[in-house]
N, C-alpha and C. Protein backbone atom coordinates (compact mmCIF):
# COMPACT_ATOMS: atom_id res chain seq x y z
N UNK A 1 0.85 -1.18 0.00
CA UNK A 1 0.00 0.00 0.00
C UNK A 1 0.89 1.24 0.00
N UNK A 2 0.64 2.11 -0.94
CA UNK A 2 1.35 3.38 -0.99
C UNK A 2 0.45 4.50 -0.51
N UNK A 3 1.03 5.60 -0.09
CA UNK A 3 0.25 6.75 0.37
C UNK A 3 -0.78 6.34 1.43
N UNK A 4 -0.27 5.92 2.56
CA UNK A 4 -1.14 5.45 3.64
C UNK A 4 -1.69 6.61 4.45
N UNK A 5 -2.94 6.46 4.88
CA UNK A 5 -3.58 7.49 5.71
C UNK A 5 -4.33 6.83 6.86
N UNK A 6 -4.42 7.54 7.97
CA UNK A 6 -5.18 7.05 9.11
C UNK A 6 -6.65 7.43 8.92
N UNK A 7 -7.52 6.43 9.08
CA UNK A 7 -8.94 6.69 8.90
C UNK A 7 -9.73 6.55 10.20
N UNK A 8 -9.07 6.10 11.24
CA UNK A 8 -9.76 5.97 12.51
C UNK A 8 -8.84 5.49 13.60
N UNK A 9 -9.36 5.52 14.83
CA UNK A 9 -8.61 5.03 15.98
C UNK A 9 -9.51 4.10 16.77
N UNK A 10 -9.01 2.91 17.05
CA UNK A 10 -9.72 1.93 17.87
C UNK A 10 -9.21 2.05 19.30
N UNK A 11 -10.07 1.73 20.24
CA UNK A 11 -9.69 1.87 21.64
C UNK A 11 -8.78 0.75 22.14
N UNK A 12 -8.70 -0.35 21.37
CA UNK A 12 -7.87 -1.48 21.77
C UNK A 12 -7.48 -2.29 20.54
N UNK A 13 -6.58 -3.24 20.73
CA UNK A 13 -6.20 -4.10 19.62
C UNK A 13 -7.38 -4.96 19.16
N UNK A 14 -8.19 -5.43 20.09
CA UNK A 14 -9.35 -6.24 19.73
C UNK A 14 -10.31 -5.47 18.83
N UNK A 15 -10.55 -4.22 19.17
CA UNK A 15 -11.42 -3.40 18.33
C UNK A 15 -10.78 -3.14 16.97
N UNK A 16 -9.47 -2.94 16.95
CA UNK A 16 -8.75 -2.71 15.68
C UNK A 16 -8.86 -3.93 14.77
N UNK A 17 -8.75 -5.11 15.34
CA UNK A 17 -8.90 -6.34 14.56
C UNK A 17 -10.29 -6.41 13.95
N UNK A 18 -11.29 -6.10 14.75
CA UNK A 18 -12.67 -6.13 14.29
C UNK A 18 -12.92 -5.11 13.17
N UNK A 19 -12.44 -3.90 13.35
CA UNK A 19 -12.63 -2.86 12.33
C UNK A 19 -11.87 -3.19 11.05
N UNK A 20 -10.69 -3.75 11.18
CA UNK A 20 -9.92 -4.15 10.00
C UNK A 20 -10.64 -5.25 9.24
N UNK A 21 -11.25 -6.19 9.96
CA UNK A 21 -12.02 -7.25 9.31
C UNK A 21 -13.23 -6.68 8.59
N UNK A 22 -13.86 -5.70 9.19
CA UNK A 22 -15.00 -5.04 8.55
C UNK A 22 -14.57 -4.39 7.24
N UNK A 23 -13.46 -3.68 7.26
CA UNK A 23 -12.95 -3.05 6.04
C UNK A 23 -12.58 -4.11 5.00
N UNK A 24 -11.95 -5.18 5.45
CA UNK A 24 -11.56 -6.25 4.54
C UNK A 24 -12.79 -6.86 3.86
N UNK A 25 -13.89 -6.98 4.60
CA UNK A 25 -15.12 -7.53 4.01
C UNK A 25 -15.69 -6.63 2.92
N UNK A 26 -15.30 -5.35 2.95
CA UNK A 26 -15.72 -4.40 1.92
C UNK A 26 -14.66 -4.27 0.82
N UNK A 27 -13.63 -5.11 0.89
CA UNK A 27 -12.58 -5.10 -0.13
C UNK A 27 -11.50 -4.06 0.09
N UNK A 28 -11.41 -3.53 1.31
CA UNK A 28 -10.40 -2.52 1.62
C UNK A 28 -9.32 -3.13 2.49
N UNK A 29 -8.10 -3.13 2.00
CA UNK A 29 -6.98 -3.63 2.79
C UNK A 29 -6.59 -2.58 3.82
N UNK A 30 -6.32 -3.05 5.03
CA UNK A 30 -5.94 -2.12 6.08
C UNK A 30 -4.89 -2.75 6.99
N UNK A 31 -4.25 -1.90 7.73
CA UNK A 31 -3.34 -2.34 8.78
C UNK A 31 -3.69 -1.55 10.03
N UNK A 32 -3.23 -2.01 11.16
CA UNK A 32 -3.42 -1.26 12.40
C UNK A 32 -2.13 -1.30 13.19
N UNK A 33 -1.94 -0.29 13.99
CA UNK A 33 -0.74 -0.20 14.82
C UNK A 33 -1.05 0.65 16.04
N UNK A 34 -0.25 0.47 17.06
CA UNK A 34 -0.42 1.25 18.28
C UNK A 34 -0.16 2.72 17.95
N UNK A 35 -1.01 3.59 18.45
CA UNK A 35 -0.81 5.02 18.21
C UNK A 35 0.38 5.52 19.02
N UNK A 36 0.86 6.68 18.68
CA UNK A 36 1.94 7.29 19.47
C UNK A 36 1.50 7.50 20.91
N UNK A 37 0.23 7.80 21.11
CA UNK A 37 -0.30 7.99 22.45
C UNK A 37 -0.26 6.69 23.23
N UNK A 38 -0.55 5.57 22.55
CA UNK A 38 -0.59 4.27 23.21
C UNK A 38 0.76 3.63 23.41
N UNK A 39 1.75 4.03 22.62
CA UNK A 39 3.08 3.42 22.73
C UNK A 39 3.65 3.66 24.12
N UNK A 40 4.07 2.60 24.75
CA UNK A 40 4.65 2.69 26.08
C UNK A 40 3.62 2.74 27.19
N UNK A 41 2.36 2.81 26.83
CA UNK A 41 1.31 2.81 27.85
C UNK A 41 1.07 1.39 28.33
N UNK A 42 0.38 1.25 29.41
CA UNK A 42 -0.01 -0.06 29.94
C UNK A 42 1.19 -0.96 30.21
N UNK A 43 2.29 -0.38 30.65
CA UNK A 43 3.51 -1.13 30.97
C UNK A 43 3.98 -1.99 29.82
N UNK A 44 3.86 -1.49 28.61
CA UNK A 44 4.34 -2.20 27.43
C UNK A 44 3.35 -3.19 26.85
N UNK A 45 2.19 -3.36 27.48
CA UNK A 45 1.19 -4.28 26.96
C UNK A 45 0.30 -3.50 26.01
N UNK A 46 0.59 -3.60 24.72
CA UNK A 46 -0.04 -2.76 23.72
C UNK A 46 -1.47 -3.16 23.37
N UNK A 47 -1.90 -4.34 23.74
CA UNK A 47 -3.23 -4.80 23.35
C UNK A 47 -4.34 -3.89 23.88
N UNK A 48 -4.13 -3.27 25.02
CA UNK A 48 -5.13 -2.40 25.59
C UNK A 48 -4.98 -0.95 25.21
N UNK A 49 -3.98 -0.65 24.41
CA UNK A 49 -3.70 0.73 24.01
C UNK A 49 -4.46 1.08 22.73
N UNK A 50 -4.68 2.37 22.49
CA UNK A 50 -5.33 2.79 21.24
C UNK A 50 -4.52 2.36 20.01
N UNK A 51 -5.23 1.96 18.97
CA UNK A 51 -4.61 1.55 17.70
C UNK A 51 -5.22 2.37 16.57
N UNK A 52 -4.38 2.83 15.65
CA UNK A 52 -4.89 3.56 14.49
C UNK A 52 -5.11 2.59 13.35
N UNK A 53 -6.17 2.84 12.59
CA UNK A 53 -6.52 2.05 11.42
C UNK A 53 -6.01 2.81 10.20
N UNK A 54 -5.24 2.11 9.37
CA UNK A 54 -4.56 2.76 8.24
C UNK A 54 -4.94 2.05 6.94
N UNK A 55 -5.25 2.85 5.92
CA UNK A 55 -5.59 2.32 4.60
C UNK A 55 -4.87 3.13 3.53
N UNK A 56 -4.95 2.64 2.31
CA UNK A 56 -4.43 3.37 1.16
C UNK A 56 -5.25 4.64 0.96
N UNK A 57 -4.60 5.70 0.55
CA UNK A 57 -5.29 6.98 0.35
C UNK A 57 -6.47 6.85 -0.60
N UNK A 58 -6.37 5.99 -1.60
CA UNK A 58 -7.46 5.84 -2.57
C UNK A 58 -8.70 5.22 -1.95
N UNK A 59 -8.55 4.51 -0.84
CA UNK A 59 -9.68 3.87 -0.16
C UNK A 59 -10.16 4.64 1.06
N UNK A 60 -9.53 5.75 1.36
CA UNK A 60 -9.77 6.44 2.63
C UNK A 60 -11.21 6.92 2.80
N UNK A 61 -11.78 7.54 1.79
CA UNK A 61 -13.14 8.07 1.93
C UNK A 61 -14.15 6.96 2.21
N UNK A 62 -14.08 5.88 1.45
CA UNK A 62 -15.01 4.77 1.66
C UNK A 62 -14.76 4.13 3.03
N UNK A 63 -13.51 3.98 3.41
CA UNK A 63 -13.20 3.39 4.72
C UNK A 63 -13.76 4.24 5.85
N UNK A 64 -13.64 5.53 5.75
CA UNK A 64 -14.20 6.42 6.77
C UNK A 64 -15.72 6.29 6.86
N UNK A 65 -16.37 6.19 5.70
CA UNK A 65 -17.82 6.00 5.69
C UNK A 65 -18.22 4.71 6.39
N UNK A 66 -17.51 3.65 6.08
CA UNK A 66 -17.80 2.35 6.68
C UNK A 66 -17.58 2.40 8.19
N UNK A 67 -16.48 2.97 8.62
CA UNK A 67 -16.19 3.04 10.04
C UNK A 67 -17.18 3.95 10.77
N UNK A 68 -17.62 5.01 10.12
CA UNK A 68 -18.57 5.92 10.73
C UNK A 68 -19.93 5.27 10.94
N UNK A 69 -20.23 4.27 10.13
CA UNK A 69 -21.53 3.60 10.25
C UNK A 69 -21.58 2.62 11.42
N UNK A 70 -20.46 2.43 12.06
CA UNK A 70 -20.40 1.47 13.19
C UNK A 70 -20.70 2.12 14.51
């Protein structure tokens, strides 16, 4: 994926997995990672930290619409 953009933030890794699966079901490839705010939080246990959802710039508008509907 080139030109990656953040389309949302999940409150945990579990939510990020769920949102990424939702995007994947719509044909949008995504990745998730711990946000800068979450890095180092929770004594290094990142699963409970906020995660950002990232997609290709060309899919960003549709991804935002899908995530907003949740």
